[in-house]
């Protein structure tokens, strides 16, 4: 009986050693897996940041004049009459203009845009910006945009 009990104890110790070895190997694999996931996440994050920091592929400028000096009612029209793709734009009103104009979308132009004012936008197409020019006003608008 003592021999059998010693054998069982020996098998028990051997089994515990194998289990401890397996646990060590699994922990090692998990830490490598975590490092791999972390590295991939970091690479993805860095790639996203890098793409946002890239230089513009092309920088363009335009002067848009909307003349409603002889009009008898408000004139509403898009800033650009055709699709004008953009990643980022700075839009500035000429400092020597007189009279207020308003910008917005096709249905509502409530944002006041006074002479000398400027704003920045990241709309993907500048033709979605609409301008309302009251009767008797001419607006000169400068646009600098990244394509």
C-alpha atoms as a PDB file:
ATOM      1  CA  UNK A   1       0.000   0.000   0.000  1.00  0.00           C
ATOM      2  CA  UNK A   2       2.862   2.377   0.803  1.00  0.00           C
ATOM      3  CA  UNK A   3       4.349   1.671  -2.575  1.00  0.00           C
ATOM      4  CA  UNK A   4       1.033   2.428  -4.298  1.00  0.00           C
ATOM      5  CA  UNK A   5       0.614   5.662  -2.291  1.00  0.00           C
ATOM      6  CA  UNK A   6       4.146   6.746  -3.250  1.00  0.00           C
ATOM      7  CA  UNK A   7       3.403   6.017  -6.879  1.00  0.00           C
ATOM      8  CA  UNK A   8       0.223   8.109  -6.747  1.00  0.00           C
ATOM      9  CA  UNK A   9       2.107  10.945  -5.033  1.00  0.00           C
ATOM     10  CA  UNK A  10       4.839  10.748  -7.688  1.00  0.00           C
ATOM     11  CA  UNK A  11       2.249  10.847 -10.505  1.00  0.00           C
ATOM     12  CA  UNK A  12       0.505  13.732  -8.771  1.00  0.00           C
ATOM     13  CA  UNK A  13       3.785  15.701  -8.584  1.00  0.00           C
ATOM     14  CA  UNK A  14       4.558  14.909 -12.249  1.00  0.00           C
ATOM     15  CA  UNK A  15       1.077  16.042 -13.291  1.00  0.00           C
ATOM     16  CA  UNK A  16       1.426  19.281 -11.298  1.00  0.00           C
ATOM     17  CA  UNK A  17       4.804  19.961 -12.944  1.00  0.00           C
ATOM     18  CA  UNK A  18       3.286  19.444 -16.417  1.00  0.00           C
ATOM     19  CA  UNK A  19       0.347  21.707 -15.561  1.00  0.00           C
ATOM     20  CA  UNK A  20       2.690  24.428 -14.296  1.00  0.00           C
ATOM     21  CA  UNK A  21       4.763  24.110 -17.488  1.00  0.00           C
ATOM     22  CA  UNK A  22       1.601  24.381 -19.591  1.00  0.00           C
ATOM     23  CA  UNK A  23       0.456  27.461 -17.639  1.00  0.00           C
ATOM     24  CA  UNK A  24       3.876  29.092 -18.164  1.00  0.00           C
ATOM     25  CA  UNK A  25       3.731  28.394 -21.917  1.00  0.00           C
ATOM     26  CA  UNK A  26       0.168  29.742 -22.176  1.00  0.00           C
ATOM     27  CA  UNK A  27       1.084  32.912 -20.284  1.00  0.00           C
ATOM     28  CA  UNK A  28       4.049  33.417 -22.608  1.00  0.00           C
ATOM     29  CA  UNK A  29       1.819  32.950 -25.657  1.00  0.00           C
ATOM     30  CA  UNK A  30      -0.756  35.401 -24.258  1.00  0.00           C
ATOM     31  CA  UNK A  31       1.849  38.087 -23.641  1.00  0.00           C
ATOM     32  CA  UNK A  32       3.209  37.653 -27.194  1.00  0.00           C
ATOM     33  CA  UNK A  33      -0.356  37.836 -28.517  1.00  0.00           C
ATOM     34  CA  UNK A  34      -1.024  41.038 -26.531  1.00  0.00           C
ATOM     35  CA  UNK A  35       2.213  42.590 -27.857  1.00  0.00           C
ATOM     36  CA  UNK A  36       1.256  41.600 -31.397  1.00  0.00           C
ATOM     37  CA  UNK A  37      -2.226  43.136 -31.054  1.00  0.00           C
ATOM     38  CA  UNK A  38      -0.796  46.243 -29.418  1.00  0.00           C
ATOM     39  CA  UNK A  39       1.767  46.622 -32.207  1.00  0.00           C
ATOM     40  CA  UNK A  40      -0.920  46.239 -34.873  1.00  0.00           C
ATOM     41  CA  UNK A  41      -3.146  48.770 -33.122  1.00  0.00           C
ATOM     42  CA  UNK A  42      -0.221  51.193 -32.863  1.00  0.00           C
ATOM     43  CA  UNK A  43       0.620  50.719 -36.546  1.00  0.00           C
ATOM     44  CA  UNK A  44      -3.013  51.370 -37.491  1.00  0.00           C
ATOM     45  CA  UNK A  45      -3.153  54.476 -35.304  1.00  0.00           C
ATOM     46  CA  UNK A  46       0.125  55.808 -36.688  1.00  0.00           C
ATOM     47  CA  UNK A  47      -1.015  55.142 -40.239  1.00  0.00           C
ATOM     48  CA  UNK A  48      -4.242  57.090 -39.597  1.00  0.00           C
ATOM     49  CA  UNK A  49      -2.353  60.006 -38.066  1.00  0.00           C
ATOM     50  CA  UNK A  50       0.178  59.969 -40.890  1.00  0.00           C
ATOM     51  CA  UNK A  51      -2.538  60.123 -43.540  1.00  0.00           C
ATOM     52  CA  UNK A  52      -4.018  63.188 -41.830  1.00  0.00           C
ATOM     53  CA  UNK A  53      -0.623  64.896 -41.732  1.00  0.00           C
ATOM     54  CA  UNK A  54       0.211  64.377 -45.387  1.00  0.00           C
ATOM     55  CA  UNK A  55       0.836  67.415 -47.522  1.00  0.00           C
ATOM     56  CA  UNK A  56      -2.006  68.614 -49.746  1.00  0.00           C
ATOM     57  CA  UNK A  57      -2.036  66.968 -53.117  1.00  0.00           C
ATOM     58  CA  UNK A  58      -2.999  70.284 -54.638  1.00  0.00           C
ATOM     59  CA  UNK A  59      -3.786  73.747 -53.309  1.00  0.00           C
ATOM     60  CA  UNK A  60      -6.145  75.948 -55.316  1.00  0.00           C
ATOM     61  CA  UNK A  61      -7.543  79.433 -54.958  1.00  0.00           C
ATOM     62  CA  UNK A  62     -10.484  81.243 -56.455  1.00  0.00           C
ATOM     63  CA  UNK A  63     -12.203  84.590 -56.306  1.00  0.00           C
ATOM     64  CA  UNK A  64     -15.979  84.370 -56.501  1.00  0.00           C
ATOM     65  CA  UNK A  65     -17.943  87.543 -57.203  1.00  0.00           C
ATOM     66  CA  UNK A  66     -21.690  87.511 -56.667  1.00  0.00           C
ATOM     67  CA  UNK A  67     -23.209  90.724 -57.984  1.00  0.00           C
ATOM     68  CA  UNK A  68     -26.709  91.578 -56.834  1.00  0.00           C
ATOM     69  CA  UNK A  69     -26.156  95.352 -57.003  1.00  0.00           C
ATOM     70  CA  UNK A  70     -29.055  95.808 -59.448  1.00  0.00           C
ATOM     71  CA  UNK A  71     -31.337  93.195 -57.865  1.00  0.00           C
ATOM     72  CA  UNK A  72     -34.632  93.871 -56.151  1.00  0.00           C
ATOM     73  CA  UNK A  73     -34.603  90.797 -53.892  1.00  0.00           C
ATOM     74  CA  UNK A  74     -32.132  88.448 -52.224  1.00  0.00           C
ATOM     75  CA  UNK A  75     -30.005  86.333 -54.561  1.00  0.00           C
ATOM     76  CA  UNK A  76     -29.275  82.802 -53.320  1.00  0.00           C
ATOM     77  CA  UNK A  77     -26.753  80.645 -55.136  1.00  0.00           C
ATOM     78  CA  UNK A  78     -24.055  78.046 -54.466  1.00  0.00           C
ATOM     79  CA  UNK A  79     -20.542  79.356 -53.832  1.00  0.00           C
ATOM     80  CA  UNK A  80     -19.431  77.241 -56.823  1.00  0.00           C
ATOM     81  CA  UNK A  81     -21.907  76.352 -59.569  1.00  0.00           C
ATOM     82  CA  UNK A  82     -20.404  72.894 -60.179  1.00  0.00           C
ATOM     83  CA  UNK A  83     -18.898  70.220 -57.985  1.00  0.00           C
ATOM     84  CA  UNK A  84     -15.689  71.505 -56.364  1.00  0.00           C
ATOM     85  CA  UNK A  85     -14.054  68.747 -54.285  1.00  0.00           C
ATOM     86  CA  UNK A  86     -12.131  69.892 -51.247  1.00  0.00           C
ATOM     87  CA  UNK A  87     -10.512  68.445 -48.141  1.00  0.00           C
ATOM     88  CA  UNK A  88     -10.158  71.771 -46.348  1.00  0.00           C
ATOM     89  CA  UNK A  89     -10.930  75.374 -47.268  1.00  0.00           C
ATOM     90  CA  UNK A  90     -10.473  78.901 -45.951  1.00  0.00           C
ATOM     91  CA  UNK A  91     -13.164  81.273 -47.202  1.00  0.00           C
ATOM     92  CA  UNK A  92     -12.681  85.034 -46.781  1.00  0.00           C
ATOM     93  CA  UNK A  93     -14.862  88.004 -47.637  1.00  0.00           C
ATOM     94  CA  UNK A  94     -13.189  91.024 -49.223  1.00  0.00           C
ATOM     95  CA  UNK A  95     -12.518  93.737 -46.634  1.00  0.00           C
ATOM     96  CA  UNK A  96     -13.722  96.507 -48.936  1.00  0.00           C
ATOM     97  CA  UNK A  97     -17.158  94.925 -49.530  1.00  0.00           C
ATOM     98  CA  UNK A  98     -20.216  96.669 -48.115  1.00  0.00           C
ATOM     99  CA  UNK A  99     -23.398  95.059 -46.876  1.00  0.00           C
ATOM    100  CA  UNK A 100     -23.840  91.775 -45.052  1.00  0.00           C
ATOM    101  CA  UNK A 101     -24.263  88.449 -46.820  1.00  0.00           C
ATOM    102  CA  UNK A 102     -25.195  85.058 -45.356  1.00  0.00           C
ATOM    103  CA  UNK A 103     -23.961  81.512 -45.893  1.00  0.00           C
ATOM    104  CA  UNK A 104     -25.540  78.129 -45.283  1.00  0.00           C
ATOM    105  CA  UNK A 105     -27.040  75.212 -47.174  1.00  0.00           C
ATOM    106  CA  UNK A 106     -29.566  75.179 -50.056  1.00  0.00           C
ATOM    107  CA  UNK A 107     -32.539  75.684 -47.719  1.00  0.00           C
ATOM    108  CA  UNK A 108     -31.185  78.091 -45.106  1.00  0.00           C
ATOM    109  CA  UNK A 109     -28.498  80.788 -45.204  1.00  0.00           C
ATOM    110  CA  UNK A 110     -28.451  82.327 -41.746  1.00  0.00           C
ATOM    111  CA  UNK A 111     -24.731  82.540 -40.927  1.00  0.00           C
ATOM    112  CA  UNK A 112     -23.697  86.225 -41.210  1.00  0.00           C
ATOM    113  CA  UNK A 113     -20.632  86.809 -43.350  1.00  0.00           C
ATOM    114  CA  UNK A 114     -19.462  90.406 -43.044  1.00  0.00           C
ATOM    115  CA  UNK A 115     -16.721  92.221 -44.954  1.00  0.00           C
ATOM    116  CA  UNK A 116     -13.308  90.996 -43.784  1.00  0.00           C
ATOM    117  CA  UNK A 117     -14.718  87.862 -42.095  1.00  0.00           C
ATOM    118  CA  UNK A 118     -13.341  84.414 -42.831  1.00  0.00           C
ATOM    119  CA  UNK A 119     -14.164  80.851 -41.878  1.00  0.00           C
ATOM    120  CA  UNK A 120     -12.661  77.407 -42.341  1.00  0.00           C
ATOM    121  CA  UNK A 121     -14.466  74.267 -43.428  1.00  0.00           C
ATOM    122  CA  UNK A 122     -13.783  70.624 -44.155  1.00  0.00           C
ATOM    123  CA  UNK A 123     -16.781  69.971 -46.433  1.00  0.00           C
ATOM    124  CA  UNK A 124     -15.961  67.523 -49.201  1.00  0.00           C
ATOM    125  CA  UNK A 125     -17.574  69.636 -51.934  1.00  0.00           C
ATOM    126  CA  UNK A 126     -17.597  73.438 -51.833  1.00  0.00           C
ATOM    127  CA  UNK A 127     -20.660  73.616 -54.107  1.00  0.00           C
ATOM    128  CA  UNK A 128     -22.838  72.616 -51.118  1.00  0.00           C
ATOM    129  CA  UNK A 129     -22.134  76.010 -49.516  1.00  0.00           C
ATOM    130  CA  UNK A 130     -24.845  78.509 -50.457  1.00  0.00           C
ATOM    131  CA  UNK A 131     -24.597  82.284 -50.294  1.00  0.00           C
ATOM    132  CA  UNK A 132     -27.467  84.762 -49.876  1.00  0.00           C
ATOM    133  CA  UNK A 133     -26.651  88.233 -51.195  1.00  0.00           C
ATOM    134  CA  UNK A 134     -29.253  90.919 -50.445  1.00  0.00           C
ATOM    135  CA  UNK A 135     -30.448  93.308 -53.154  1.00  0.00           C
ATOM    136  CA  UNK A 136     -28.008  96.142 -53.819  1.00  0.00           C
ATOM    137  CA  UNK A 137     -24.946  94.178 -52.611  1.00  0.00           C
ATOM    138  CA  UNK A 138     -21.935  92.780 -54.441  1.00  0.00           C
ATOM    139  CA  UNK A 139     -19.879  90.157 -52.613  1.00  0.00           C
ATOM    140  CA  UNK A 140     -16.259  89.290 -53.390  1.00  0.00           C
ATOM    141  CA  UNK A 141     -15.276  86.017 -51.771  1.00  0.00           C
ATOM    142  CA  UNK A 142     -11.796  84.486 -51.770  1.00  0.00           C
ATOM    143  CA  UNK A 143     -11.420  80.731 -51.409  1.00  0.00           C
ATOM    144  CA  UNK A 144      -8.210  78.846 -50.704  1.00  0.00           C
ATOM    145  CA  UNK A 145      -8.768  75.093 -50.716  1.00  0.00           C
ATOM    146  CA  UNK A 146      -6.957  71.782 -50.634  1.00  0.00           C
ATOM    147  CA  UNK A 147      -7.890  69.149 -53.181  1.00  0.00           C
END
